[in-house]
PDB file of N, CA and C in Angstrom:
ATOM      1  N   MET A   1       0.879  -1.326  -0.023  1.00  0.00           N
ATOM      2  CA  MET A   1      -0.130   0.082   0.072  1.00  0.00           C
ATOM      3  C   MET A   1       0.861   1.252   0.084  1.00  0.00           C
ATOM      4  N   ASP A   2       0.503   2.164  -0.844  1.00  0.00           N
ATOM      5  CA  ASP A   2       0.989   3.520  -0.694  1.00  0.00           C
ATOM      6  C   ASP A   2       0.960   4.260   0.517  1.00  0.00           C
ATOM      7  N   LYS A   3       2.080   4.905   0.948  1.00  0.00           N
ATOM      8  CA  LYS A   3       2.208   5.602   1.976  1.00  0.00           C
ATOM      9  C   LYS A   3       0.965   6.897   1.949  1.00  0.00           C
ATOM     10  N   LYS A   4       0.846   7.099   0.649  1.00  0.00           N
ATOM     11  CA  LYS A   4      -0.480   8.200   0.611  1.00  0.00           C
ATOM     12  C   LYS A   4      -1.633   7.621   1.043  1.00  0.00           C
ATOM     13  N   ASN A   5      -1.956   6.394   1.172  1.00  0.00           N
ATOM     14  CA  ASN A   5      -3.026   5.953   1.464  1.00  0.00           C
ATOM     15  C   ASN A   5      -3.066   5.407   3.097  1.00  0.00           C
ATOM     16  N   LYS A   6      -2.057   5.888   3.596  1.00  0.00           N
ATOM     17  CA  LYS A   6      -2.019   5.421   5.237  1.00  0.00           C
ATOM     18  C   LYS A   6      -2.286   6.504   6.258  1.00  0.00           C
ATOM     19  N   LYS A   7      -3.624   6.946   5.981  1.00  0.00           N
ATOM     20  CA  LYS A   7      -3.846   8.078   6.932  1.00  0.00           C
ATOM     21  C   LYS A   7      -3.620   7.817   8.305  1.00  0.00           C
ATOM     22  N   THR A   8      -2.830   8.748   9.081  1.00  0.00           N
ATOM     23  CA  THR A   8      -2.347   8.237  10.199  1.00  0.00           C
ATOM     24  C   THR A   8      -2.811   9.260  11.539  1.00  0.00           C
ATOM     25  N   VAL A   9      -3.572   8.861  12.538  1.00  0.00           N
ATOM     26  CA  VAL A   9      -3.672   9.918  13.690  1.00  0.00           C
ATOM     27  C   VAL A   9      -2.626   9.740  14.576  1.00  0.00           C
ATOM     28  N   ILE A  10      -2.067  11.024  14.941  1.00  0.00           N
ATOM     29  CA  ILE A  10      -0.899  10.925  15.893  1.00  0.00           C
ATOM     30  C   ILE A  10      -1.793  11.412  17.068  1.00  0.00           C
ATOM     31  N   ILE A  11      -1.711  10.500  18.363  1.00  0.00           N
ATOM     32  CA  ILE A  11      -2.208  10.548  19.618  1.00  0.00           C
ATOM     33  C   ILE A  11      -1.401  11.380  20.644  1.00  0.00           C
ATOM     34  N   GLY A  12      -1.416  12.515  20.859  1.00  0.00           N
ATOM     35  CA  GLY A  12      -0.577  13.109  21.784  1.00  0.00           C
ATOM     36  C   GLY A  12       0.180  14.291  21.160  1.00  0.00           C
ATOM     37  N   ALA A  13      -0.485  14.792  19.889  1.00  0.00           N
ATOM     38  CA  ALA A  13       0.188  15.661  19.024  1.00  0.00           C
ATOM     39  C   ALA A  13       0.566  16.995  19.711  1.00  0.00           C
ATOM     40  N   THR A  14       1.474  17.662  19.403  1.00  0.00           N
ATOM     41  CA  THR A  14       1.940  18.887  20.084  1.00  0.00           C
ATOM     42  C   THR A  14       2.450  19.970  19.406  1.00  0.00           C
ATOM     43  N   PRO A  15       2.354  20.964  19.332  1.00  0.00           N
ATOM     44  CA  PRO A  15       3.132  21.886  18.506  1.00  0.00           C
ATOM     45  C   PRO A  15       4.683  21.950  18.904  1.00  0.00           C
ATOM     46  N   ASN A  16       4.794  21.665  20.067  1.00  0.00           N
ATOM     47  CA  ASN A  16       6.526  21.706  20.771  1.00  0.00           C
ATOM     48  C   ASN A  16       7.498  20.796  19.919  1.00  0.00           C
ATOM     49  N   PRO A  17       8.228  21.423  19.020  1.00  0.00           N
ATOM     50  CA  PRO A  17       9.356  20.771  18.060  1.00  0.00           C
ATOM     51  C   PRO A  17      10.421  19.914  18.855  1.00  0.00           C
ATOM     52  N   ALA A  18      10.310  19.992  20.337  1.00  0.00           N
ATOM     53  CA  ALA A  18      11.370  19.105  21.171  1.00  0.00           C
ATOM     54  C   ALA A  18      10.630  17.754  21.300  1.00  0.00           C
ATOM     55  N   ARG A  19       9.288  17.664  20.883  1.00  0.00           N
ATOM     56  CA  ARG A  19       8.751  16.300  21.339  1.00  0.00           C
ATOM     57  C   ARG A  19       8.651  15.378  20.323  1.00  0.00           C
ATOM     58  N   PHE A  20       8.716  14.321  20.315  1.00  0.00           N
ATOM     59  CA  PHE A  20       8.496  13.166  19.280  1.00  0.00           C
ATOM     60  C   PHE A  20       7.435  13.252  18.653  1.00  0.00           C
ATOM     61  N   ALA A  21       6.174  13.404  18.925  1.00  0.00           N
ATOM     62  CA  ALA A  21       5.020  13.545  18.354  1.00  0.00           C
ATOM     63  C   ALA A  21       5.026  14.644  17.216  1.00  0.00           C
ATOM     64  N   PHE A  22       5.663  15.710  17.568  1.00  0.00           N
ATOM     65  CA  PHE A  22       5.821  17.025  16.568  1.00  0.00           C
ATOM     66  C   PHE A  22       7.007  16.236  15.312  1.00  0.00           C
ATOM     67  N   LYS A  23       8.031  15.496  15.835  1.00  0.00           N
ATOM     68  CA  LYS A  23       8.981  15.122  14.781  1.00  0.00           C
ATOM     69  C   LYS A  23       8.211  14.199  13.831  1.00  0.00           C
ATOM     70  N   ALA A  24       7.185  13.182  14.545  1.00  0.00           N
ATOM     71  CA  ALA A  24       6.339  12.397  13.665  1.00  0.00           C
ATOM     72  C   ALA A  24       5.837  13.158  12.753  1.00  0.00           C
ATOM     73  N   ALA A  25       5.157  14.266  12.929  1.00  0.00           N
ATOM     74  CA  ALA A  25       4.048  15.177  12.268  1.00  0.00           C
ATOM     75  C   ALA A  25       5.206  15.533  10.910  1.00  0.00           C
ATOM     76  N   ASP A  26       6.112  16.108  11.411  1.00  0.00           N
ATOM     77  CA  ASP A  26       7.245  16.527  10.447  1.00  0.00           C
ATOM     78  C   ASP A  26       7.570  15.320   9.429  1.00  0.00           C
ATOM     79  N   MET A  27       7.801  14.255   9.970  1.00  0.00           N
ATOM     80  CA  MET A  27       8.139  13.269   8.891  1.00  0.00           C
ATOM     81  C   MET A  27       7.127  13.041   8.023  1.00  0.00           C
ATOM     82  N   PHE A  28       5.848  12.917   8.810  1.00  0.00           N
ATOM     83  CA  PHE A  28       4.836  12.568   7.576  1.00  0.00           C
ATOM     84  C   PHE A  28       4.400  13.299   6.617  1.00  0.00           C
ATOM     85  N   ASN A  29       4.640  14.916   7.098  1.00  0.00           N
ATOM     86  CA  ASN A  29       4.774  15.738   6.014  1.00  0.00           C
ATOM     87  C   ASN A  29       5.688  15.575   4.785  1.00  0.00           C
ATOM     88  N   ASP A  30       6.936  15.331   5.175  1.00  0.00           N
ATOM     89  CA  ASP A  30       8.060  15.259   4.286  1.00  0.00           C
ATOM     90  C   ASP A  30       7.621  13.997   3.663  1.00  0.00           C
ATOM     91  N   TYR A  31       7.262  12.776   4.070  1.00  0.00           N
ATOM     92  CA  TYR A  31       6.950  11.475   3.257  1.00  0.00           C
ATOM     93  C   TYR A  31       5.521  11.580   2.407  1.00  0.00           C
ATOM     94  N   GLU A  32       4.966  13.002   2.646  1.00  0.00           N
ATOM     95  CA  GLU A  32       3.475  12.702   2.172  1.00  0.00           C
ATOM     96  C   GLU A  32       2.616  11.868   2.740  1.00  0.00           C
ATOM     97  N   VAL A  33       2.748  11.491   3.838  1.00  0.00           N
ATOM     98  CA  VAL A  33       1.862  10.770   4.632  1.00  0.00           C
ATOM     99  C   VAL A  33       0.664  11.691   5.187  1.00  0.00           C
ATOM    100  N   PRO A  34      -0.937  11.570   4.764  1.00  0.00           N
ATOM    101  CA  PRO A  34      -1.611  12.265   5.623  1.00  0.00           C
ATOM    102  C   PRO A  34      -1.899  11.977   6.885  1.00  0.00           C
ATOM    103  N   PHE A  35      -1.981  13.263   7.759  1.00  0.00           N
ATOM    104  CA  PHE A  35      -2.004  13.018   9.094  1.00  0.00           C
ATOM    105  C   PHE A  35      -3.145  13.819   9.930  1.00  0.00           C
ATOM    106  N   VAL A  36      -3.540  13.281  11.113  1.00  0.00           N
ATOM    107  CA  VAL A  36      -4.397  13.891  11.783  1.00  0.00           C
ATOM    108  C   VAL A  36      -4.038  14.130  13.079  1.00  0.00           C
ATOM    109  N   PRO A  37      -3.508  15.170  13.480  1.00  0.00           N
ATOM    110  CA  PRO A  37      -2.801  15.561  15.075  1.00  0.00           C
ATOM    111  C   PRO A  37      -4.108  15.605  16.107  1.00  0.00           C
ATOM    112  N   VAL A  38      -4.109  14.681  16.839  1.00  0.00           N
ATOM    113  CA  VAL A  38      -5.038  14.808  17.958  1.00  0.00           C
ATOM    114  C   VAL A  38      -4.423  14.745  19.464  1.00  0.00           C
ATOM    115  N   GLY A  39      -4.746  15.806  20.262  1.00  0.00           N
ATOM    116  CA  GLY A  39      -4.155  15.722  21.771  1.00  0.00           C
ATOM    117  C   GLY A  39      -4.940  16.926  22.329  1.00  0.00           C
ATOM    118  N   ILE A  40      -4.226  17.051  23.597  1.00  0.00           N
ATOM    119  CA  ILE A  40      -4.951  18.040  24.505  1.00  0.00           C
ATOM    120  C   ILE A  40      -4.268  19.400  24.434  1.00  0.00           C
ATOM    121  N   LYS A  41      -3.306  19.557  23.449  1.00  0.00           N
ATOM    122  CA  LYS A  41      -2.386  20.750  23.411  1.00  0.00           C
ATOM    123  C   LYS A  41      -3.039  21.546  22.126  1.00  0.00           C
ATOM    124  N   GLN A  42      -3.138  22.763  22.125  1.00  0.00           N
ATOM    125  CA  GLN A  42      -3.846  23.522  21.245  1.00  0.00           C
ATOM    126  C   GLN A  42      -2.701  23.990  20.205  1.00  0.00           C
ATOM    127  N   GLY A  43      -3.167  24.033  18.843  1.00  0.00           N
ATOM    128  CA  GLY A  43      -1.991  24.944  18.131  1.00  0.00           C
ATOM    129  C   GLY A  43      -2.276  24.206  16.764  1.00  0.00           C
ATOM    130  N   GLU A  44      -1.103  24.103  16.055  1.00  0.00           N
ATOM    131  CA  GLU A  44      -1.131  23.678  14.621  1.00  0.00           C
ATOM    132  C   GLU A  44       0.083  23.043  14.298  1.00  0.00           C
ATOM    133  N   VAL A  45       0.352  21.871  13.401  1.00  0.00           N
ATOM    134  CA  VAL A  45       1.417  21.171  13.296  1.00  0.00           C
ATOM    135  C   VAL A  45       1.362  21.235  11.607  1.00  0.00           C
ATOM    136  N   PHE A  46       2.289  21.802  11.000  1.00  0.00           N
ATOM    137  CA  PHE A  46       2.539  21.601   9.581  1.00  0.00           C
ATOM    138  C   PHE A  46       1.099  21.656   8.584  1.00  0.00           C
ATOM    139  N   GLY A  47       0.428  22.915   9.063  1.00  0.00           N
ATOM    140  CA  GLY A  47      -0.858  22.980   8.547  1.00  0.00           C
ATOM    141  C   GLY A  47      -2.151  22.411   9.040  1.00  0.00           C
ATOM    142  N   GLU A  48      -1.643  21.169   9.894  1.00  0.00           N
ATOM    143  CA  GLU A  48      -3.020  20.919  10.373  1.00  0.00           C
ATOM    144  C   GLU A  48      -3.415  21.100  12.014  1.00  0.00           C
ATOM    145  N   SER A  49      -4.347  21.492  12.154  1.00  0.00           N
ATOM    146  CA  SER A  49      -4.752  21.924  13.388  1.00  0.00           C
ATOM    147  C   SER A  49      -5.004  20.766  14.302  1.00  0.00           C
ATOM    148  N   ILE A  50      -4.455  20.818  15.738  1.00  0.00           N
ATOM    149  CA  ILE A  50      -4.546  19.937  16.353  1.00  0.00           C
ATOM    150  C   ILE A  50      -6.065  19.803  16.987  1.00  0.00           C
ATOM    151  N   ARG A  51      -6.612  18.259  16.914  1.00  0.00           N
ATOM    152  CA  ARG A  51      -8.000  18.316  17.445  1.00  0.00           C
ATOM    153  C   ARG A  51      -8.110  17.707  18.759  1.00  0.00           C
ATOM    154  N   ASP A  52      -8.760  18.417  19.610  1.00  0.00           N
ATOM    155  CA  ASP A  52      -9.125  18.135  20.977  1.00  0.00           C
ATOM    156  C   ASP A  52      -9.185  16.746  21.309  1.00  0.00           C
ATOM    157  N   ILE A  53      -8.625  15.865  21.570  1.00  0.00           N
ATOM    158  CA  ILE A  53      -9.137  14.620  22.110  1.00  0.00           C
ATOM    159  C   ILE A  53     -10.209  14.349  23.096  1.00  0.00           C
ATOM    160  N   ARG A  54     -10.305  15.397  23.920  1.00  0.00           N
ATOM    161  CA  ARG A  54     -11.387  15.424  24.893  1.00  0.00           C
ATOM    162  C   ARG A  54     -12.899  15.440  24.238  1.00  0.00           C
ATOM    163  N   GLN A  55     -12.841  15.978  22.871  1.00  0.00           N
ATOM    164  CA  GLN A  55     -14.046  15.901  22.232  1.00  0.00           C
ATOM    165  C   GLN A  55     -14.025  14.720  21.378  1.00  0.00           C
ATOM    166  N   LYS A  56     -13.162  13.807  21.539  1.00  0.00           N
ATOM    167  CA  LYS A  56     -13.155  12.512  20.589  1.00  0.00           C
ATOM    168  C   LYS A  56     -13.734  12.734  19.174  1.00  0.00           C
ATOM    169  N   PRO A  57     -12.821  13.522  18.554  1.00  0.00           N
ATOM    170  CA  PRO A  57     -13.118  13.893  17.058  1.00  0.00           C
ATOM    171  C   PRO A  57     -13.368  12.687  16.305  1.00  0.00           C
ATOM    172  N   GLU A  58     -14.439  12.469  15.459  1.00  0.00           N
ATOM    173  CA  GLU A  58     -14.240  11.719  14.533  1.00  0.00           C
ATOM    174  C   GLU A  58     -13.293  11.613  13.264  1.00  0.00           C
ATOM    175  N   VAL A  59     -12.765  10.863  12.860  1.00  0.00           N
ATOM    176  CA  VAL A  59     -12.022  10.832  11.902  1.00  0.00           C
ATOM    177  C   VAL A  59     -12.161   9.521  10.794  1.00  0.00           C
ATOM    178  N   ASP A  60     -12.374   9.787   9.732  1.00  0.00           N
ATOM    179  CA  ASP A  60     -12.598   8.643   8.538  1.00  0.00           C
ATOM    180  C   ASP A  60     -11.507   8.144   8.035  1.00  0.00           C
ATOM    181  N   ASP A  61     -11.579   6.524   7.882  1.00  0.00           N
ATOM    182  CA  ASP A  61     -10.369   6.261   6.874  1.00  0.00           C
ATOM    183  C   ASP A  61      -9.215   6.106   7.421  1.00  0.00           C
ATOM    184  N   VAL A  62      -9.063   5.786   8.627  1.00  0.00           N
ATOM    185  CA  VAL A  62      -7.847   5.828   9.770  1.00  0.00           C
ATOM    186  C   VAL A  62      -7.103   4.589   9.197  1.00  0.00           C
ATOM    187  N   HIS A  63      -5.948   4.509   8.882  1.00  0.00           N
ATOM    188  CA  HIS A  63      -5.146   3.361   8.864  1.00  0.00           C
ATOM    189  C   HIS A  63      -4.476   3.008   9.685  1.00  0.00           C
ATOM    190  N   THR A  64      -3.631   4.017  10.537  1.00  0.00           N
ATOM    191  CA  THR A  64      -2.826   3.781  11.453  1.00  0.00           C
ATOM    192  C   THR A  64      -3.108   4.816  12.620  1.00  0.00           C
ATOM    193  N   VAL A  65      -2.861   4.605  13.944  1.00  0.00           N
ATOM    194  CA  VAL A  65      -2.996   5.419  14.870  1.00  0.00           C
ATOM    195  C   VAL A  65      -1.436   5.184  15.527  1.00  0.00           C
ATOM    196  N   THR A  66      -0.773   6.249  15.925  1.00  0.00           N
ATOM    197  CA  THR A  66       0.623   6.204  16.521  1.00  0.00           C
ATOM    198  C   THR A  66       0.453   7.013  17.452  1.00  0.00           C
ATOM    199  N   MET A  67       0.692   6.461  18.774  1.00  0.00           N
ATOM    200  CA  MET A  67       0.589   6.801  20.241  1.00  0.00           C
ATOM    201  C   MET A  67       1.899   7.753  20.599  1.00  0.00           C
ATOM    202  N   TYR A  68       1.627   8.507  21.032  1.00  0.00           N
ATOM    203  CA  TYR A  68       2.693   9.276  21.796  1.00  0.00           C
ATOM    204  C   TYR A  68       2.238   9.772  23.233  1.00  0.00           C
ATOM    205  N   ILE A  69       1.404   8.993  23.827  1.00  0.00           N
ATOM    206  CA  ILE A  69       1.058   9.412  25.386  1.00  0.00           C
ATOM    207  C   ILE A  69       1.222   8.132  26.128  1.00  0.00           C
ATOM    208  N   GLY A  70       1.781   8.058  27.592  1.00  0.00           N
ATOM    209  CA  GLY A  70       2.211   6.899  28.148  1.00  0.00           C
ATOM    210  C   GLY A  70       0.946   6.331  28.611  1.00  0.00           C
ATOM    211  N   PRO A  71       1.283   5.068  29.222  1.00  0.00           N
ATOM    212  CA  PRO A  71       0.095   3.771  29.482  1.00  0.00           C
ATOM    213  C   PRO A  71      -0.614   4.652  30.742  1.00  0.00           C
ATOM    214  N   ARG A  72      -0.097   5.635  31.275  1.00  0.00           N
ATOM    215  CA  ARG A  72      -0.952   6.167  32.490  1.00  0.00           C
ATOM    216  C   ARG A  72      -2.185   7.176  32.188  1.00  0.00           C
ATOM    217  N   HIS A  73      -1.882   7.542  30.853  1.00  0.00           N
ATOM    218  CA  HIS A  73      -2.756   8.592  30.306  1.00  0.00           C
ATOM    219  C   HIS A  73      -3.508   8.101  29.270  1.00  0.00           C
ATOM    220  N   GLN A  74      -3.414   6.596  28.897  1.00  0.00           N
ATOM    221  CA  GLN A  74      -4.051   6.265  27.885  1.00  0.00           C
ATOM    222  C   GLN A  74      -5.617   5.759  28.195  1.00  0.00           C
ATOM    223  N   ASP A  75      -5.790   4.898  29.383  1.00  0.00           N
ATOM    224  CA  ASP A  75      -7.044   4.519  29.450  1.00  0.00           C
ATOM    225  C   ASP A  75      -8.493   5.248  29.265  1.00  0.00           C
ATOM    226  N   GLU A  76      -8.650   6.479  29.536  1.00  0.00           N
ATOM    227  CA  GLU A  76      -9.848   7.096  29.180  1.00  0.00           C
ATOM    228  C   GLU A  76     -10.043   7.265  27.439  1.00  0.00           C
ATOM    229  N   TRP A  77      -9.034   7.072  27.123  1.00  0.00           N
ATOM    230  CA  TRP A  77      -8.887   7.412  25.265  1.00  0.00           C
ATOM    231  C   TRP A  77      -9.014   6.012  24.666  1.00  0.00           C
ATOM    232  N   ILE A  78      -8.699   4.687  25.268  1.00  0.00           N
ATOM    233  CA  ILE A  78      -8.595   3.462  24.599  1.00  0.00           C
ATOM    234  C   ILE A  78      -9.753   3.189  23.855  1.00  0.00           C
ATOM    235  N   ASP A  79     -10.944   3.169  24.628  1.00  0.00           N
ATOM    236  CA  ASP A  79     -12.090   3.196  23.537  1.00  0.00           C
ATOM    237  C   ASP A  79     -12.315   4.098  22.169  1.00  0.00           C
ATOM    238  N   TYR A  80     -11.935   5.295  22.523  1.00  0.00           N
ATOM    239  CA  TYR A  80     -12.036   6.228  21.611  1.00  0.00           C
ATOM    240  C   TYR A  80     -11.116   5.729  20.097  1.00  0.00           C
ATOM    241  N   ILE A  81     -10.011   5.281  20.601  1.00  0.00           N
ATOM    242  CA  ILE A  81      -9.041   4.910  19.733  1.00  0.00           C
ATOM    243  C   ILE A  81      -9.395   3.927  19.046  1.00  0.00           C
ATOM    244  N   ILE A  82     -10.093   2.860  19.630  1.00  0.00           N
ATOM    245  CA  ILE A  82     -10.502   1.624  18.896  1.00  0.00           C
ATOM    246  C   ILE A  82     -11.626   1.808  17.999  1.00  0.00           C
ATOM    247  N   SER A  83     -12.564   2.988  18.434  1.00  0.00           N
ATOM    248  CA  SER A  83     -13.783   3.409  17.506  1.00  0.00           C
ATOM    249  C   SER A  83     -13.098   3.989  16.094  1.00  0.00           C
ATOM    250  N   LEU A  84     -11.881   4.159  16.185  1.00  0.00           N
ATOM    251  CA  LEU A  84     -11.476   4.839  14.739  1.00  0.00           C
ATOM    252  C   LEU A  84     -11.187   3.691  13.976  1.00  0.00           C
ATOM    253  N   LYS A  85     -11.372   2.589  14.146  1.00  0.00           N
ATOM    254  CA  LYS A  85     -11.178   1.317  13.564  1.00  0.00           C
ATOM    255  C   LYS A  85      -9.752   1.506  12.847  1.00  0.00           C
ATOM    256  N   PRO A  86      -8.745   1.742  13.366  1.00  0.00           N
ATOM    257  CA  PRO A  86      -7.133   1.787  12.417  1.00  0.00           C
ATOM    258  C   PRO A  86      -7.322   0.026  12.125  1.00  0.00           C
ATOM    259  N   GLU A  87      -6.417   0.049  11.376  1.00  0.00           N
ATOM    260  CA  GLU A  87      -5.655  -1.441  10.860  1.00  0.00           C
ATOM    261  C   GLU A  87      -4.611  -1.755  11.906  1.00  0.00           C
ATOM    262  N   ARG A  88      -3.853  -0.611  12.557  1.00  0.00           N
ATOM    263  CA  ARG A  88      -2.708  -0.966  13.481  1.00  0.00           C
ATOM    264  C   ARG A  88      -2.714   0.328  14.460  1.00  0.00           C
ATOM    265  N   ILE A  89      -2.053   0.084  15.455  1.00  0.00           N
ATOM    266  CA  ILE A  89      -2.113   0.964  16.551  1.00  0.00           C
ATOM    267  C   ILE A  89      -0.231   0.845  16.647  1.00  0.00           C
ATOM    268  N   ILE A  90       0.574   1.796  16.308  1.00  0.00           N
ATOM    269  CA  ILE A  90       1.941   1.646  16.544  1.00  0.00           C
ATOM    270  C   ILE A  90       2.159   2.179  18.274  1.00  0.00           C
ATOM    271  N   PHE A  91       2.681   1.651  18.778  1.00  0.00           N
ATOM    272  CA  PHE A  91       2.913   2.124  20.472  1.00  0.00           C
ATOM    273  C   PHE A  91       4.723   2.204  20.126  1.00  0.00           C
ATOM    274  N   ASN A  92       4.853   3.578  20.220  1.00  0.00           N
ATOM    275  CA  ASN A  92       6.317   4.149  20.264  1.00  0.00           C
ATOM    276  C   ASN A  92       6.912   3.818  21.563  1.00  0.00           C
ATOM    277  N   PRO A  93       8.237   3.704  21.829  1.00  0.00           N
ATOM    278  CA  PRO A  93       8.581   3.578  23.191  1.00  0.00           C
ATOM    279  C   PRO A  93       8.358   4.579  24.113  1.00  0.00           C
ATOM    280  N   GLY A  94       7.834   3.636  25.098  1.00  0.00           N
ATOM    281  CA  GLY A  94       7.354   4.433  26.503  1.00  0.00           C
ATOM    282  C   GLY A  94       5.607   4.627  26.372  1.00  0.00           C
ATOM    283  N   THR A  95       5.620   3.902  25.348  1.00  0.00           N
ATOM    284  CA  THR A  95       3.830   4.010  25.362  1.00  0.00           C
ATOM    285  C   THR A  95       3.287   2.604  25.461  1.00  0.00           C
ATOM    286  N   GLU A  96       4.035   1.593  25.603  1.00  0.00           N
ATOM    287  CA  GLU A  96       3.823   0.151  25.446  1.00  0.00           C
ATOM    288  C   GLU A  96       2.552  -0.026  26.746  1.00  0.00           C
ATOM    289  N   ASN A  97       1.613  -0.751  26.432  1.00  0.00           N
ATOM    290  CA  ASN A  97       0.528  -1.187  27.149  1.00  0.00           C
ATOM    291  C   ASN A  97      -0.249  -2.374  26.667  1.00  0.00           C
ATOM    292  N   TYR A  98       0.160  -3.549  27.669  1.00  0.00           N
ATOM    293  CA  TYR A  98      -0.203  -4.746  27.305  1.00  0.00           C
ATOM    294  C   TYR A  98      -1.843  -4.951  27.317  1.00  0.00           C
ATOM    295  N   GLU A  99      -2.456  -4.248  28.214  1.00  0.00           N
ATOM    296  CA  GLU A  99      -4.032  -4.140  28.417  1.00  0.00           C
ATOM    297  C   GLU A  99      -4.407  -3.654  27.072  1.00  0.00           C
ATOM    298  N   PHE A 100      -4.128  -2.504  26.523  1.00  0.00           N
ATOM    299  CA  PHE A 100      -4.783  -1.768  25.719  1.00  0.00           C
ATOM    300  C   PHE A 100      -4.234  -2.968  24.207  1.00  0.00           C
ATOM    301  N   TYR A 101      -3.132  -3.711  24.284  1.00  0.00           N
ATOM    302  CA  TYR A 101      -2.831  -4.757  22.913  1.00  0.00           C
ATOM    303  C   TYR A 101      -4.021  -5.455  22.752  1.00  0.00           C
ATOM    304  N   LYS A 102      -4.232  -6.123  24.034  1.00  0.00           N
ATOM    305  CA  LYS A 102      -5.623  -7.089  24.098  1.00  0.00           C
ATOM    306  C   LYS A 102      -6.695  -6.777  23.533  1.00  0.00           C
ATOM    307  N   LYS A 103      -7.166  -5.406  23.956  1.00  0.00           N
ATOM    308  CA  LYS A 103      -8.272  -4.775  23.487  1.00  0.00           C
ATOM    309  C   LYS A 103      -8.259  -4.458  21.812  1.00  0.00           C
ATOM    310  N   ALA A 104      -7.055  -4.107  21.615  1.00  0.00           N
ATOM    311  CA  ALA A 104      -6.919  -3.758  20.195  1.00  0.00           C
ATOM    312  C   ALA A 104      -7.066  -4.907  19.307  1.00  0.00           C
ATOM    313  N   GLU A 105      -6.218  -6.124  19.850  1.00  0.00           N
ATOM    314  CA  GLU A 105      -6.353  -7.405  19.008  1.00  0.00           C
ATOM    315  C   GLU A 105      -7.905  -7.989  18.993  1.00  0.00           C
ATOM    316  N   SER A 106      -8.667  -7.887  20.404  1.00  0.00           N
ATOM    317  CA  SER A 106     -10.025  -8.058  20.336  1.00  0.00           C
ATOM    318  C   SER A 106     -10.993  -7.404  19.217  1.00  0.00           C
ATOM    319  N   ALA A 107     -10.399  -6.198  18.895  1.00  0.00           N
ATOM    320  CA  ALA A 107     -11.113  -5.558  17.902  1.00  0.00           C
ATOM    321  C   ALA A 107     -10.602  -5.828  16.679  1.00  0.00           C
ATOM    322  N   GLY A 108      -9.723  -6.488  16.231  1.00  0.00           N
ATOM    323  CA  GLY A 108      -8.967  -7.038  14.944  1.00  0.00           C
ATOM    324  C   GLY A 108      -8.142  -5.931  14.684  1.00  0.00           C
ATOM    325  N   ILE A 109      -7.542  -5.162  15.544  1.00  0.00           N
ATOM    326  CA  ILE A 109      -6.255  -4.049  15.304  1.00  0.00           C
ATOM    327  C   ILE A 109      -5.073  -4.708  15.416  1.00  0.00           C
ATOM    328  N   GLU A 110      -4.011  -4.468  14.908  1.00  0.00           N
ATOM    329  CA  GLU A 110      -2.865  -5.094  15.101  1.00  0.00           C
ATOM    330  C   GLU A 110      -2.004  -3.895  16.066  1.00  0.00           C
ATOM    331  N   PRO A 111      -1.506  -4.478  17.342  1.00  0.00           N
ATOM    332  CA  PRO A 111      -0.823  -3.489  17.692  1.00  0.00           C
ATOM    333  C   PRO A 111       0.756  -3.669  17.519  1.00  0.00           C
ATOM    334  N   VAL A 112       1.513  -2.587  17.280  1.00  0.00           N
ATOM    335  CA  VAL A 112       2.713  -2.771  16.835  1.00  0.00           C
ATOM    336  C   VAL A 112       3.706  -2.016  17.800  1.00  0.00           C
ATOM    337  N   GLU A 113       4.628  -2.721  18.351  1.00  0.00           N
ATOM    338  CA  GLU A 113       5.702  -1.876  19.338  1.00  0.00           C
ATOM    339  C   GLU A 113       6.910  -1.833  18.393  1.00  0.00           C
ATOM    340  N   ALA A 114       6.831  -0.366  18.083  1.00  0.00           N
ATOM    341  CA  ALA A 114       7.925   0.347  17.173  1.00  0.00           C
ATOM    342  C   ALA A 114       8.221   1.563  17.318  1.00  0.00           C
ATOM    343  N   CYS A 115       8.906   2.354  16.737  1.00  0.00           N
ATOM    344  CA  CYS A 115       9.161   3.593  16.669  1.00  0.00           C
ATOM    345  C   CYS A 115       8.798   4.032  15.306  1.00  0.00           C
ATOM    346  N   THR A 116       7.723   5.222  15.201  1.00  0.00           N
ATOM    347  CA  THR A 116       7.245   5.421  14.046  1.00  0.00           C
ATOM    348  C   THR A 116       8.232   6.466  13.037  1.00  0.00           C
ATOM    349  N   LEU A 117       9.352   6.873  13.837  1.00  0.00           N
ATOM    350  CA  LEU A 117      10.483   7.612  12.932  1.00  0.00           C
ATOM    351  C   LEU A 117      11.353   6.588  12.562  1.00  0.00           C
ATOM    352  N   VAL A 118      11.634   5.552  13.152  1.00  0.00           N
ATOM    353  CA  VAL A 118      12.553   4.530  12.281  1.00  0.00           C
ATOM    354  C   VAL A 118      11.575   3.856  11.622  1.00  0.00           C
ATOM    355  N   MET A 119      10.259   3.538  11.323  1.00  0.00           N
ATOM    356  CA  MET A 119       9.519   2.674  10.415  1.00  0.00           C
ATOM    357  C   MET A 119       9.539   3.544   9.216  1.00  0.00           C
ATOM    358  N   LEU A 120       9.523   4.846   9.323  1.00  0.00           N
ATOM    359  CA  LEU A 120       9.386   5.810   8.301  1.00  0.00           C
ATOM    360  C   LEU A 120      10.443   5.985   7.393  1.00  0.00           C
ATOM    361  N   SER A 121      11.638   5.994   8.207  1.00  0.00           N
ATOM    362  CA  SER A 121      13.192   6.083   7.787  1.00  0.00           C
ATOM    363  C   SER A 121      13.603   5.054   7.101  1.00  0.00           C
ATOM    364  N   THR A 122      13.064   3.831   7.480  1.00  0.00           N
ATOM    365  CA  THR A 122      13.448   2.437   6.987  1.00  0.00           C
ATOM    366  C   THR A 122      12.642   2.065   5.905  1.00  0.00           C
ATOM    367  N   GLY A 123      11.457   2.574   5.514  1.00  0.00           N
ATOM    368  CA  GLY A 123      10.675   2.072   4.542  1.00  0.00           C
ATOM    369  C   GLY A 123       9.794   1.111   5.165  1.00  0.00           C
ATOM    370  N   GLN A 124       9.648   0.957   6.402  1.00  0.00           N
ATOM    371  CA  GLN A 124       8.819  -0.246   6.975  1.00  0.00           C
ATOM    372  C   GLN A 124       7.523   0.446   7.362  1.00  0.00           C
ATOM    373  N   PHE A 125       7.121   1.665   7.078  1.00  0.00           N
ATOM    374  CA  PHE A 125       5.985   2.270   7.572  1.00  0.00           C
ATOM    375  C   PHE A 125       4.733   1.770   6.365  1.00  0.00           C
TER     376      PHE A 125
END
């Protein structure tokens, strides 16, 4: 599948350039992967407004969700993330959550423990 067809939701999006979620948005922008930033921070990343996760925004045709929030902040969003019906959820380093993996797998979603930045730069995305 072409990267242009892999719409990705960034959970934990931020306009802070020091954060990995921002770096991921930068790479998605460079690689022309469509992305939807979702988080509690307000602002914009590469022309995309960050959608407020507290409002559980609807996003259609999601291929991938990439996680940038740690396990202790994930519980209240698990059902929302699963409702996006992605094909996979990438758990970046520090976001690993075994209970979330089980719920995702039960919903037919593949949990992937990996670094989105490495996946993109090595052609594994």
